[in-house]
Every structure is written in structure tokens, then in C-alpha cells.
PDB file of N, CA and C in Angstrom:
ATOM      1  N   UNK A   1       0.826  -1.204   0.000  1.00  0.00           N
ATOM      2  CA  UNK A   1       0.000   0.000   0.000  1.00  0.00           C
ATOM      3  C   UNK A   1       0.864   1.260   0.000  1.00  0.00           C
ATOM      4  N   UNK A   2       1.908   1.245   0.788  1.00  0.00           N
ATOM      5  CA  UNK A   2       2.801   2.398   0.865  1.00  0.00           C
ATOM      6  C   UNK A   2       3.442   2.680  -0.491  1.00  0.00           C
ATOM      7  N   UNK A   3       3.831   1.611  -1.198  1.00  0.00           N
ATOM      8  CA  UNK A   3       4.445   1.772  -2.518  1.00  0.00           C
ATOM      9  C   UNK A   3       3.453   2.409  -3.496  1.00  0.00           C
ATOM     10  N   UNK A   4       2.201   2.013  -3.437  1.00  0.00           N
ATOM     11  CA  UNK A   4       1.173   2.587  -4.308  1.00  0.00           C
ATOM     12  C   UNK A   4       1.010   4.085  -4.033  1.00  0.00           C
ATOM     13  N   UNK A   5       1.046   4.470  -2.769  1.00  0.00           N
ATOM     14  CA  UNK A   5       0.938   5.887  -2.403  1.00  0.00           C
ATOM     15  C   UNK A   5       2.126   6.671  -2.944  1.00  0.00           C
ATOM     16  N   UNK A   6       3.315   6.106  -2.836  1.00  0.00           N
ATOM     17  CA  UNK A   6       4.510   6.768  -3.371  1.00  0.00           C
ATOM     18  C   UNK A   6       4.438   6.893  -4.885  1.00  0.00           C
ATOM     19  N   UNK A   7       3.989   5.836  -5.546  1.00  0.00           N
ATOM     20  CA  UNK A   7       3.847   5.872  -7.005  1.00  0.00           C
ATOM     21  C   UNK A   7       2.841   6.933  -7.429  1.00  0.00           C
ATOM     22  N   UNK A   8       1.735   7.019  -6.706  1.00  0.00           N
ATOM     23  CA  UNK A   8       0.696   8.008  -7.018  1.00  0.00           C
ATOM     24  C   UNK A   8       1.254   9.422  -6.869  1.00  0.00           C
ATOM     25  N   UNK A   9       1.979   9.657  -5.778  1.00  0.00           N
ATOM     26  CA  UNK A   9       2.546  10.983  -5.536  1.00  0.00           C
ATOM     27  C   UNK A   9       3.585  11.341  -6.595  1.00  0.00           C
ATOM     28  N   UNK A  10       4.451  10.406  -6.925  1.00  0.00           N
ATOM     29  CA  UNK A  10       5.487  10.650  -7.930  1.00  0.00           C
ATOM     30  C   UNK A  10       4.867  10.950  -9.294  1.00  0.00           C
ATOM     31  N   UNK A  11       3.882  10.147  -9.683  1.00  0.00           N
ATOM     32  CA  UNK A  11       3.222  10.348 -10.968  1.00  0.00           C
ATOM     33  C   UNK A  11       2.512  11.705 -10.993  1.00  0.00           C
ATOM     34  N   UNK A  12       1.817  12.033  -9.919  1.00  0.00           N
ATOM     35  CA  UNK A  12       1.108  13.309  -9.826  1.00  0.00           C
ATOM     36  C   UNK A  12       2.086  14.470 -10.004  1.00  0.00           C
ATOM     37  N   UNK A  13       3.215  14.403  -9.318  1.00  0.00           N
ATOM     38  CA  UNK A  13       4.221  15.463  -9.422  1.00  0.00           C
ATOM     39  C   UNK A  13       4.770  15.568 -10.842  1.00  0.00           C
ATOM     40  N   UNK A  14       4.996  14.442 -11.502  1.00  0.00           N
ATOM     41  CA  UNK A  14       5.500  14.463 -12.877  1.00  0.00           C
ATOM     42  C   UNK A  14       4.515  15.157 -13.825  1.00  0.00           C
ATOM     43  N   UNK A  15       3.227  14.873 -13.649  1.00  0.00           N
ATOM     44  CA  UNK A  15       2.230  15.514 -14.507  1.00  0.00           C
ATOM     45  C   UNK A  15       2.083  17.002 -14.190  1.00  0.00           C
ATOM     46  N   UNK A  16       2.238  17.377 -12.926  1.00  0.00           N
ATOM     47  CA  UNK A  16       2.201  18.801 -12.587  1.00  0.00           C
ATOM     48  C   UNK A  16       3.375  19.549 -13.209  1.00  0.00           C
ATOM     49  N   UNK A  17       4.543  18.915 -13.217  1.00  0.00           N
ATOM     50  CA  UNK A  17       5.714  19.521 -13.851  1.00  0.00           C
ATOM     51  C   UNK A  17       5.451  19.707 -15.346  1.00  0.00           C
ATOM     52  N   UNK A  18       4.872  18.677 -15.972  1.00  0.00           N
ATOM     53  CA  UNK A  18       4.540  18.772 -17.400  1.00  0.00           C
ATOM     54  C   UNK A  18       3.538  19.888 -17.656  1.00  0.00           C
ATOM     55  N   UNK A  19       2.499  19.961 -16.833  1.00  0.00           N
ATOM     56  CA  UNK A  19       1.483  20.984 -16.993  1.00  0.00           C
ATOM     57  C   UNK A  19       2.097  22.369 -16.819  1.00  0.00           C
ATOM     58  N   UNK A  20       2.932  22.539 -15.823  1.00  0.00           N
ATOM     59  CA  UNK A  20       3.580  23.827 -15.577  1.00  0.00           C
ATOM     60  C   UNK A  20       4.452  24.227 -16.764  1.00  0.00           C
ATOM     61  N   UNK A  21       5.166  23.274 -17.333  1.00  0.00           N
ATOM     62  CA  UNK A  21       5.995  23.554 -18.504  1.00  0.00           C
ATOM     63  C   UNK A  21       5.132  24.003 -19.684  1.00  0.00           C
ATOM     64  N   UNK A  22       4.010  23.321 -19.891  1.00  0.00           N
ATOM     65  CA  UNK A  22       3.103  23.701 -20.980  1.00  0.00           C
ATOM     66  C   UNK A  22       2.517  25.097 -20.757  1.00  0.00           C
ATOM     67  N   UNK A  23       2.225  25.425 -19.510  1.00  0.00           N
ATOM     68  CA  UNK A  23       1.729  26.767 -19.192  1.00  0.00           C
ATOM     69  C   UNK A  23       2.791  27.821 -19.494  1.00  0.00           C
ATOM     70  N   UNK A  24       4.023  27.554 -19.096  1.00  0.00           N
ATOM     71  CA  UNK A  24       5.109  28.509 -19.326  1.00  0.00           C
ATOM     72  C   UNK A  24       5.350  28.737 -20.811  1.00  0.00           C
ATOM     73  N   UNK A  25       5.226  27.670 -21.613  1.00  0.00           N
ATOM     74  CA  UNK A  25       5.461  27.777 -23.058  1.00  0.00           C
ATOM     75  C   UNK A  25       4.249  28.339 -23.800  1.00  0.00           C
ATOM     76  N   UNK A  26       3.130  28.478 -23.114  1.00  0.00           N
ATOM     77  CA  UNK A  26       1.929  29.005 -23.740  1.00  0.00           C
ATOM     78  C   UNK A  26       1.129  27.976 -24.507  1.00  0.00           C
ATOM     79  N   UNK A  27       1.439  26.702 -24.316  1.00  0.00           N
ATOM     80  CA  UNK A  27       0.712  25.639 -25.010  1.00  0.00           C
ATOM     81  C   UNK A  27      -0.663  25.406 -24.384  1.00  0.00           C
ATOM     82  N   UNK A  28      -0.808  25.757 -23.133  1.00  0.00           N
ATOM     83  CA  UNK A  28      -2.103  25.691 -22.448  1.00  0.00           C
ATOM     84  C   UNK A  28      -2.480  27.123 -22.087  1.00  0.00           C
ATOM     85  N   UNK A  29      -3.593  27.585 -22.673  1.00  0.00           N
ATOM     86  CA  UNK A  29      -4.000  28.971 -22.451  1.00  0.00           C
ATOM     87  C   UNK A  29      -5.433  29.122 -21.966  1.00  0.00           C
ATOM     88  N   UNK A  30      -6.264  28.102 -22.167  1.00  0.00           N
ATOM     89  CA  UNK A  30      -7.671  28.238 -21.800  1.00  0.00           C
ATOM     90  C   UNK A  30      -8.229  26.888 -21.337  1.00  0.00           C
ATOM     91  N   UNK A  31      -9.507  26.889 -20.984  1.00  0.00           N
ATOM     92  CA  UNK A  31     -10.119  25.668 -20.451  1.00  0.00           C
ATOM     93  C   UNK A  31     -10.078  24.510 -21.437  1.00  0.00           C
ATOM     94  N   UNK A  32     -10.307  24.788 -22.696  1.00  0.00           N
ATOM     95  CA  UNK A  32     -10.313  23.688 -23.665  1.00  0.00           C
ATOM     96  C   UNK A  32      -8.915  23.084 -23.817  1.00  0.00           C
ATOM     97  N   UNK A  33      -7.865  23.909 -23.694  1.00  0.00           N
ATOM     98  CA  UNK A  33      -6.500  23.377 -23.725  1.00  0.00           C
ATOM     99  C   UNK A  33      -6.256  22.429 -22.557  1.00  0.00           C
ATOM    100  N   UNK A  34      -6.734  22.819 -21.376  1.00  0.00           N
ATOM    101  CA  UNK A  34      -6.586  21.958 -20.201  1.00  0.00           C
ATOM    102  C   UNK A  34      -7.317  20.638 -20.406  1.00  0.00           C
ATOM    103  N   UNK A  35      -8.512  20.717 -20.940  1.00  0.00           N
ATOM    104  CA  UNK A  35      -9.302  19.491 -21.148  1.00  0.00           C
ATOM    105  C   UNK A  35      -8.653  18.577 -22.184  1.00  0.00           C
ATOM    106  N   UNK A  36      -8.122  19.161 -23.244  1.00  0.00           N
ATOM    107  CA  UNK A  36      -7.415  18.361 -24.246  1.00  0.00           C
ATOM    108  C   UNK A  36      -6.180  17.689 -23.645  1.00  0.00           C
ATOM    109  N   UNK A  37      -5.455  18.439 -22.836  1.00  0.00           N
ATOM    110  CA  UNK A  37      -4.267  17.877 -22.195  1.00  0.00           C
ATOM    111  C   UNK A  37      -4.655  16.717 -21.275  1.00  0.00           C
ATOM    112  N   UNK A  38      -5.716  16.887 -20.503  1.00  0.00           N
ATOM    113  CA  UNK A  38      -6.177  15.798 -19.622  1.00  0.00           C
ATOM    114  C   UNK A  38      -6.557  14.564 -20.433  1.00  0.00           C
ATOM    115  N   UNK A  39      -7.216  14.760 -21.563  1.00  0.00           N
ATOM    116  CA  UNK A  39      -7.566  13.623 -22.421  1.00  0.00           C
ATOM    117  C   UNK A  39      -6.315  12.907 -22.910  1.00  0.00           C
ATOM    118  N   UNK A  40      -5.293  13.676 -23.258  1.00  0.00           N
ATOM    119  CA  UNK A  40      -4.050  13.093 -23.751  1.00  0.00           C
ATOM    120  C   UNK A  40      -3.315  12.301 -22.675  1.00  0.00           C
ATOM    121  N   UNK A  41      -3.303  12.814 -21.446  1.00  0.00           N
ATOM    122  CA  UNK A  41      -2.525  12.140 -20.395  1.00  0.00           C
ATOM    123  C   UNK A  41      -3.301  11.031 -19.698  1.00  0.00           C
ATOM    124  N   UNK A  42      -4.596  10.937 -19.951  1.00  0.00           N
ATOM    125  CA  UNK A  42      -5.406   9.925 -19.269  1.00  0.00           C
ATOM    126  C   UNK A  42      -4.835   8.521 -19.477  1.00  0.00           C
ATOM    127  N   UNK A  43      -4.407   8.217 -20.684  1.00  0.00           N
ATOM    128  CA  UNK A  43      -3.849   6.894 -20.985  1.00  0.00           C
ATOM    129  C   UNK A  43      -2.520   6.660 -20.258  1.00  0.00           C
ATOM    130  N   UNK A  44      -1.785   7.735 -20.008  1.00  0.00           N
ATOM    131  CA  UNK A  44      -0.484   7.632 -19.356  1.00  0.00           C
ATOM    132  C   UNK A  44      -0.594   7.473 -17.843  1.00  0.00           C
ATOM    133  N   UNK A  45      -1.666   7.972 -17.266  1.00  0.00           N
ATOM    134  CA  UNK A  45      -1.849   7.910 -15.810  1.00  0.00           C
ATOM    135  C   UNK A  45      -2.178   6.488 -15.381  1.00  0.00           C
ATOM    136  N   UNK A  46      -1.409   5.992 -14.447  1.00  0.00           N
ATOM    137  CA  UNK A  46      -1.683   4.674 -13.883  1.00  0.00           C
ATOM    138  C   UNK A  46      -2.258   4.791 -12.484  1.00  0.00           C
ATOM    139  N   UNK A  47      -1.928   5.869 -11.797  1.00  0.00           N
ATOM    140  CA  UNK A  47      -2.277   5.986 -10.390  1.00  0.00           C
ATOM    141  C   UNK A  47      -3.081   7.229 -10.027  1.00  0.00           C
ATOM    142  N   UNK A  48      -2.921   8.311 -10.800  1.00  0.00           N
ATOM    143  CA  UNK A  48      -3.386   9.596 -10.271  1.00  0.00           C
ATOM    144  C   UNK A  48      -4.361  10.358 -11.152  1.00  0.00           C
ATOM    145  N   UNK A  49      -4.982   9.753 -12.146  1.00  0.00           N
ATOM    146  CA  UNK A  49      -5.800  10.543 -13.065  1.00  0.00           C
ATOM    147  C   UNK A  49      -6.943  11.263 -12.352  1.00  0.00           C
ATOM    148  N   UNK A  50      -7.605  10.614 -11.448  1.00  0.00           N
ATOM    149  CA  UNK A  50      -8.713  11.264 -10.751  1.00  0.00           C
ATOM    150  C   UNK A  50      -8.217  12.472  -9.962  1.00  0.00           C
ATOM    151  N   UNK A  51      -7.125  12.302  -9.219  1.00  0.00           N
ATOM    152  CA  UNK A  51      -6.569  13.412  -8.456  1.00  0.00           C
ATOM    153  C   UNK A  51      -6.087  14.535  -9.349  1.00  0.00           C
ATOM    154  N   UNK A  52      -5.474  14.182 -10.468  1.00  0.00           N
ATOM    155  CA  UNK A  52      -4.993  15.170 -11.418  1.00  0.00           C
ATOM    156  C   UNK A  52      -6.169  15.937 -12.020  1.00  0.00           C
ATOM    157  N   UNK A  53      -7.216  15.231 -12.377  1.00  0.00           N
ATOM    158  CA  UNK A  53      -8.415  15.869 -12.937  1.00  0.00           C
ATOM    159  C   UNK A  53      -9.020  16.854 -11.950  1.00  0.00           C
ATOM    160  N   UNK A  54      -9.111  16.449 -10.699  1.00  0.00           N
ATOM    161  CA  UNK A  54      -9.667  17.332  -9.671  1.00  0.00           C
ATOM    162  C   UNK A  54      -8.797  18.572  -9.486  1.00  0.00           C
ATOM    163  N   UNK A  55      -7.485  18.375  -9.483  1.00  0.00           N
ATOM    164  CA  UNK A  55      -6.556  19.496  -9.347  1.00  0.00           C
ATOM    165  C   UNK A  55      -6.726  20.469 -10.511  1.00  0.00           C
ATOM    166  N   UNK A  56      -6.786  19.943 -11.726  1.00  0.00           N
ATOM    167  CA  UNK A  56      -6.914  20.795 -12.912  1.00  0.00           C
ATOM    168  C   UNK A  56      -8.249  21.547 -12.893  1.00  0.00           C
ATOM    169  N   UNK A  57      -9.322  20.881 -12.502  1.00  0.00           N
ATOM    170  CA  UNK A  57     -10.625  21.560 -12.421  1.00  0.00           C
ATOM    171  C   UNK A  57     -10.579  22.704 -11.419  1.00  0.00           C
ATOM    172  N   UNK A  58      -9.973  22.469 -10.273  1.00  0.00           N
ATOM    173  CA  UNK A  58      -9.863  23.519  -9.255  1.00  0.00           C
ATOM    174  C   UNK A  58      -8.979  24.656  -9.758  1.00  0.00           C
ATOM    175  N   UNK A  59      -7.882  24.313 -10.410  1.00  0.00           N
ATOM    176  CA  UNK A  59      -6.986  25.325 -10.977  1.00  0.00           C
ATOM    177  C   UNK A  59      -7.725  26.176 -12.009  1.00  0.00           C
ATOM    178  N   UNK A  60      -8.495  25.534 -12.875  1.00  0.00           N
ATOM    179  CA  UNK A  60      -9.239  26.276 -13.894  1.00  0.00           C
ATOM    180  C   UNK A  60     -10.260  27.209 -13.265  1.00  0.00           C
ATOM    181  N   UNK A  61     -10.914  26.766 -12.202  1.00  0.00           N
ATOM    182  CA  UNK A  61     -11.884  27.632 -11.537  1.00  0.00           C
ATOM    183  C   UNK A  61     -11.196  28.871 -10.981  1.00  0.00           C
ATOM    184  N   UNK A  62     -10.035  28.670 -10.373  1.00  0.00           N
ATOM    185  CA  UNK A  62      -9.308  29.810  -9.813  1.00  0.00           C
ATOM    186  C   UNK A  62      -8.793  30.743 -10.906  1.00  0.00           C
ATOM    187  N   UNK A  63      -8.349  30.191 -12.004  1.00  0.00           N
ATOM    188  CA  UNK A  63      -7.738  30.984 -13.073  1.00  0.00           C
ATOM    189  C   UNK A  63      -8.771  31.669 -13.975  1.00  0.00           C
ATOM    190  N   UNK A  64      -9.861  30.980 -14.288  1.00  0.00           N
ATOM    191  CA  UNK A  64     -10.780  31.477 -15.312  1.00  0.00           C
ATOM    192  C   UNK A  64     -12.131  31.963 -14.781  1.00  0.00           C
ATOM    193  N   UNK A  65     -12.527  31.537 -13.606  1.00  0.00           N
ATOM    194  CA  UNK A  65     -13.853  31.885 -13.103  1.00  0.00           C
ATOM    195  C   UNK A  65     -13.808  32.946 -12.001  1.00  0.00           C
ATOM    196  N   UNK A  66     -13.062  33.967 -12.220  1.00  0.00           N
ATOM    197  CA  UNK A  66     -12.915  35.023 -11.198  1.00  0.00           C
ATOM    198  C   UNK A  66     -14.093  35.928 -11.191  1.00  0.00           C
TER     199      UNK A  66
END
């Protein structure tokens, strides 16, 4: 169980780094970009897709729904 938690955390951090890089490069600029990115990474996620999706939804609300 502990190994699964570590794997989930590591994977989550890797996807956050990727998302941050895409934001810095301007590849993600709006809600539809975020949704497309989530669709693309869904197949790659083994442990954290639900958590990543929730994080991205919350981030989008803070960024776009002011």
C-alpha cells in the first residue's frame, strides 16, 4: 500500500511539472487546452488521473472563473 501511495505521488508530481511547462510555453491557455491535455494524459496515468483531474478543475476555476 505504501508503494502505491509513493507511485501516485510521484506520478502526480511528474504531470504537474509537465502541466507547468506547458503553461510557461503558452501551449495551455484556456479551459479547452486543459481538457485536451487531460484527455491526452489519461492513458499515461496509472495511479493519479482522478486526483490530477480534480486538481486541474480547481486550478481552472481559480484561473478562469474570477
